[in-house]
Amino acid sequence: MKDLDSFKVKIDNQLSIQESELSKKKIDIEESRLLLNDIEYNKLVAEFNKQAKVFENKIVQYENIIQTNIENNKNIILKEISSIIMKISNEQNYILIVNEDQYFLASKDIDISEIVLNELNKTNLKLKINNDILIK
């Protein structure tokens, strides 16, 4: 989470700078309206719209990168949890293990959540942040 937060801060800063530049450009275009003829003005507006679309695409790309990283790391954690549960079930001779969505009645005597969490915390799980695609 720290790595992902660090990545998010870096990208947020880059996007904030770009958004600020776009806002300034929009103001400049609006202020130049009286000085330019229609053709020149429309050309500036069209160029601004292209740049705004590129910026919007960067936002979508950024959101996809973050979501992909979250999903990938979630899968890594779930795979490790599954491995831990299999180990515990073999060691303690459990026949059936269900998650919280699969039971109606539960007893603290049979809840292995704390055991799983403790084992997970003992692992040196390597989560990955894929930031190969940095937004420029």
C-alpha atoms as a PDB file:
ATOM      1  CA  MET A   1       0.000   0.000   0.000  1.00  0.00           C
ATOM      2  CA  LYS A   2       2.886   2.356   0.755  1.00  0.00           C
ATOM      3  CA  ASP A   3       4.388   1.728  -2.680  1.00  0.00           C
ATOM      4  CA  LEU A   4       1.036   2.216  -4.356  1.00  0.00           C
ATOM      5  CA  ASP A   5       0.393   5.406  -2.373  1.00  0.00           C
ATOM      6  CA  SER A   6       3.822   6.716  -3.335  1.00  0.00           C
ATOM      7  CA  PHE A   7       3.109   5.946  -6.977  1.00  0.00           C
ATOM      8  CA  LYS A   8      -0.295   7.636  -6.723  1.00  0.00           C
ATOM      9  CA  VAL A   9       1.203  10.787  -5.189  1.00  0.00           C
ATOM     10  CA  LYS A  10       3.790  11.008  -7.965  1.00  0.00           C
ATOM     11  CA  ILE A  11       1.181  10.632 -10.699  1.00  0.00           C
ATOM     12  CA  ASP A  12      -1.304  12.929  -8.930  1.00  0.00           C
ATOM     13  CA  ASN A  13       1.366  15.631  -8.852  1.00  0.00           C
ATOM     14  CA  GLN A  14       2.115  15.177 -12.549  1.00  0.00           C
ATOM     15  CA  LEU A  15      -1.578  15.300 -13.426  1.00  0.00           C
ATOM     16  CA  SER A  16      -2.171  18.369 -11.243  1.00  0.00           C
ATOM     17  CA  ILE A  17       0.584  20.241 -13.045  1.00  0.00           C
ATOM     18  CA  GLN A  18      -0.848  19.275 -16.426  1.00  0.00           C
ATOM     19  CA  GLU A  19      -4.361  20.243 -15.338  1.00  0.00           C
ATOM     20  CA  SER A  20      -3.096  23.623 -14.154  1.00  0.00           C
ATOM     21  CA  GLU A  21      -1.339  24.192 -17.477  1.00  0.00           C
ATOM     22  CA  LEU A  22      -4.523  23.335 -19.354  1.00  0.00           C
ATOM     23  CA  SER A  23      -6.535  25.731 -17.204  1.00  0.00           C
ATOM     24  CA  LYS A  24      -4.063  28.538 -17.896  1.00  0.00           C
ATOM     25  CA  LYS A  25      -4.152  27.767 -21.607  1.00  0.00           C
ATOM     26  CA  LYS A  26      -7.955  27.904 -21.595  1.00  0.00           C
ATOM     27  CA  ILE A  27      -7.906  31.298 -19.897  1.00  0.00           C
ATOM     28  CA  ASP A  28      -5.313  32.558 -22.396  1.00  0.00           C
ATOM     29  CA  ILE A  29      -7.472  31.398 -25.295  1.00  0.00           C
ATOM     30  CA  GLU A  30     -10.561  33.079 -23.853  1.00  0.00           C
ATOM     31  CA  GLU A  31      -8.646  36.311 -23.250  1.00  0.00           C
ATOM     32  CA  SER A  32      -7.259  36.305 -26.804  1.00  0.00           C
ATOM     33  CA  ARG A  33     -10.753  36.000 -28.311  1.00  0.00           C
ATOM     34  CA  LEU A  34     -10.975  39.728 -29.013  1.00  0.00           C
ATOM     35  CA  LEU A  35      -7.500  39.888 -30.570  1.00  0.00           C
ATOM     36  CA  LEU A  36      -7.869  36.949 -32.960  1.00  0.00           C
ATOM     37  CA  ASN A  37      -9.997  36.402 -35.996  1.00  0.00           C
ATOM     38  CA  ASP A  38     -12.421  33.482 -35.999  1.00  0.00           C
ATOM     39  CA  ILE A  39     -10.075  31.147 -37.881  1.00  0.00           C
ATOM     40  CA  GLU A  40      -7.170  31.700 -35.491  1.00  0.00           C
ATOM     41  CA  TYR A  41      -9.422  31.459 -32.462  1.00  0.00           C
ATOM     42  CA  ASN A  42     -11.055  28.225 -33.668  1.00  0.00           C
ATOM     43  CA  LYS A  43      -7.611  26.781 -34.382  1.00  0.00           C
ATOM     44  CA  LEU A  44      -6.523  27.484 -30.792  1.00  0.00           C
ATOM     45  CA  VAL A  45      -9.756  26.002 -29.430  1.00  0.00           C
ATOM     46  CA  ALA A  46      -9.339  22.872 -31.554  1.00  0.00           C
ATOM     47  CA  GLU A  47      -5.743  22.443 -30.344  1.00  0.00           C
ATOM     48  CA  PHE A  48      -6.872  22.950 -26.746  1.00  0.00           C
ATOM     49  CA  ASN A  49      -9.615  20.345 -27.170  1.00  0.00           C
ATOM     50  CA  LYS A  50      -7.040  17.842 -28.469  1.00  0.00           C
ATOM     51  CA  GLN A  51      -4.819  18.484 -25.451  1.00  0.00           C
ATOM     52  CA  ALA A  52      -7.797  18.194 -23.081  1.00  0.00           C
ATOM     53  CA  LYS A  53      -8.720  14.839 -24.658  1.00  0.00           C
ATOM     54  CA  VAL A  54      -5.144  13.586 -24.214  1.00  0.00           C
ATOM     55  CA  PHE A  55      -5.333  14.663 -20.565  1.00  0.00           C
ATOM     56  CA  GLU A  56      -8.646  12.839 -20.079  1.00  0.00           C
ATOM     57  CA  ASN A  57      -7.094   9.701 -21.583  1.00  0.00           C
ATOM     58  CA  LYS A  58      -4.208   9.983 -19.106  1.00  0.00           C
ATOM     59  CA  ILE A  59      -6.710  10.119 -16.245  1.00  0.00           C
ATOM     60  CA  VAL A  60      -8.416   6.963 -17.518  1.00  0.00           C
ATOM     61  CA  GLN A  61      -5.021   5.260 -17.995  1.00  0.00           C
ATOM     62  CA  TYR A  62      -4.002   6.250 -14.454  1.00  0.00           C
ATOM     63  CA  GLU A  63      -7.226   4.876 -12.972  1.00  0.00           C
ATOM     64  CA  ASN A  64      -6.746   1.630 -14.908  1.00  0.00           C
ATOM     65  CA  ILE A  65      -3.154   1.279 -13.687  1.00  0.00           C
ATOM     66  CA  ILE A  66      -4.236   1.774 -10.073  1.00  0.00           C
ATOM     67  CA  GLN A  67      -7.135  -0.677 -10.397  1.00  0.00           C
ATOM     68  CA  THR A  68      -4.933  -3.267 -12.107  1.00  0.00           C
ATOM     69  CA  ASN A  69      -2.322  -2.974  -9.347  1.00  0.00           C
ATOM     70  CA  ILE A  70      -4.973  -3.405  -6.673  1.00  0.00           C
ATOM     71  CA  GLU A  71      -6.443  -6.464  -8.394  1.00  0.00           C
ATOM     72  CA  ASN A  72      -3.041  -8.058  -9.021  1.00  0.00           C
ATOM     73  CA  ASN A  73      -1.967  -7.627  -5.413  1.00  0.00           C
ATOM     74  CA  LYS A  74      -5.322  -8.837  -4.159  1.00  0.00           C
ATOM     75  CA  ASN A  75      -4.797 -12.015  -6.163  1.00  0.00           C
ATOM     76  CA  ILE A  76      -1.292 -12.448  -4.725  1.00  0.00           C
ATOM     77  CA  ILE A  77      -2.666 -12.106  -1.190  1.00  0.00           C
ATOM     78  CA  LEU A  78      -5.578 -14.466  -1.855  1.00  0.00           C
ATOM     79  CA  LYS A  79      -3.215 -17.062  -3.309  1.00  0.00           C
ATOM     80  CA  GLU A  80      -1.043 -16.855  -0.190  1.00  0.00           C
ATOM     81  CA  ILE A  81      -4.106 -17.089   2.068  1.00  0.00           C
ATOM     82  CA  SER A  82      -5.251 -20.157   0.182  1.00  0.00           C
ATOM     83  CA  SER A  83      -1.858 -21.757   0.701  1.00  0.00           C
ATOM     84  CA  ILE A  84      -1.946 -20.949   4.422  1.00  0.00           C
ATOM     85  CA  ILE A  85      -5.453 -22.373   4.757  1.00  0.00           C
ATOM     86  CA  MET A  86      -4.406 -25.589   3.050  1.00  0.00           C
ATOM     87  CA  LYS A  87      -1.453 -25.888   5.437  1.00  0.00           C
ATOM     88  CA  ILE A  88      -3.646 -25.274   8.492  1.00  0.00           C
ATOM     89  CA  SER A  89      -6.321 -27.687   7.286  1.00  0.00           C
ATOM     90  CA  ASN A  90      -3.707 -30.412   6.793  1.00  0.00           C
ATOM     91  CA  GLU A  91      -2.034 -29.773  10.149  1.00  0.00           C
ATOM     92  CA  GLN A  92      -5.309 -29.684  12.089  1.00  0.00           C
ATOM     93  CA  ASN A  93      -7.187 -32.263  10.019  1.00  0.00           C
ATOM     94  CA  TYR A  94      -9.970 -29.961   8.876  1.00  0.00           C
ATOM     95  CA  ILE A  95     -12.224 -31.505   6.286  1.00  0.00           C
ATOM     96  CA  LEU A  96     -14.173 -28.423   5.240  1.00  0.00           C
ATOM     97  CA  ILE A  97     -13.187 -24.767   5.239  1.00  0.00           C
ATOM     98  CA  VAL A  98     -15.563 -22.033   4.102  1.00  0.00           C
ATOM     99  CA  ASN A  99     -15.183 -18.297   3.829  1.00  0.00           C
ATOM    100  CA  GLU A 100     -17.468 -15.702   5.401  1.00  0.00           C
ATOM    101  CA  ASP A 101     -19.834 -15.715   2.409  1.00  0.00           C
ATOM    102  CA  GLN A 102     -20.429 -19.448   2.608  1.00  0.00           C
ATOM    103  CA  TYR A 103     -21.817 -20.138   6.042  1.00  0.00           C
ATOM    104  CA  PHE A 104     -24.854 -19.270   8.115  1.00  0.00           C
ATOM    105  CA  LEU A 105     -23.777 -20.255  11.611  1.00  0.00           C
ATOM    106  CA  ALA A 106     -20.294 -19.974  12.976  1.00  0.00           C
ATOM    107  CA  SER A 107     -18.522 -20.577  16.196  1.00  0.00           C
ATOM    108  CA  LYS A 108     -15.404 -18.873  17.454  1.00  0.00           C
ATOM    109  CA  ASP A 109     -14.146 -22.354  18.239  1.00  0.00           C
ATOM    110  CA  ILE A 110     -13.923 -23.171  14.545  1.00  0.00           C
ATOM    111  CA  ASP A 111     -12.963 -19.733  13.194  1.00  0.00           C
ATOM    112  CA  ILE A 112      -9.370 -19.875  11.911  1.00  0.00           C
ATOM    113  CA  SER A 113      -9.286 -16.271  10.669  1.00  0.00           C
ATOM    114  CA  GLU A 114      -6.841 -15.165  13.357  1.00  0.00           C
ATOM    115  CA  ILE A 115      -4.565 -18.110  12.657  1.00  0.00           C
ATOM    116  CA  VAL A 116      -4.586 -17.331   8.946  1.00  0.00           C
ATOM    117  CA  LEU A 117      -3.942 -13.647   9.582  1.00  0.00           C
ATOM    118  CA  ASN A 118      -1.048 -14.427  11.915  1.00  0.00           C
ATOM    119  CA  GLU A 119       0.492 -16.785   9.368  1.00  0.00           C
ATOM    120  CA  LEU A 120      -0.001 -14.255   6.579  1.00  0.00           C
ATOM    121  CA  ASN A 121       1.752 -11.601   8.655  1.00  0.00           C
ATOM    122  CA  LYS A 122       4.696 -13.960   9.156  1.00  0.00           C
ATOM    123  CA  THR A 123       5.225 -14.383   5.418  1.00  0.00           C
ATOM    124  CA  ASN A 124       7.514 -12.141   3.489  1.00  0.00           C
ATOM    125  CA  LEU A 125       4.902 -11.598   0.806  1.00  0.00           C
ATOM    126  CA  LYS A 126       6.201  -9.597  -2.151  1.00  0.00           C
ATOM    127  CA  LEU A 127       3.475  -7.455  -3.635  1.00  0.00           C
ATOM    128  CA  LYS A 128       4.121  -5.766  -6.953  1.00  0.00           C
ATOM    129  CA  ILE A 129       3.414  -2.276  -8.173  1.00  0.00           C
ATOM    130  CA  ASN A 130       3.477  -2.144 -11.946  1.00  0.00           C
ATOM    131  CA  ASN A 131       4.373   1.440 -12.751  1.00  0.00           C
ATOM    132  CA  ASP A 132       6.111   0.723 -16.042  1.00  0.00           C
ATOM    133  CA  ILE A 133       3.669   3.012 -17.762  1.00  0.00           C
ATOM    134  CA  LEU A 134       4.293   6.393 -16.216  1.00  0.00           C
ATOM    135  CA  ILE A 135       2.039   9.195 -17.337  1.00  0.00           C
ATOM    136  CA  LYS A 136       3.964  12.024 -18.981  1.00  0.00           C
END
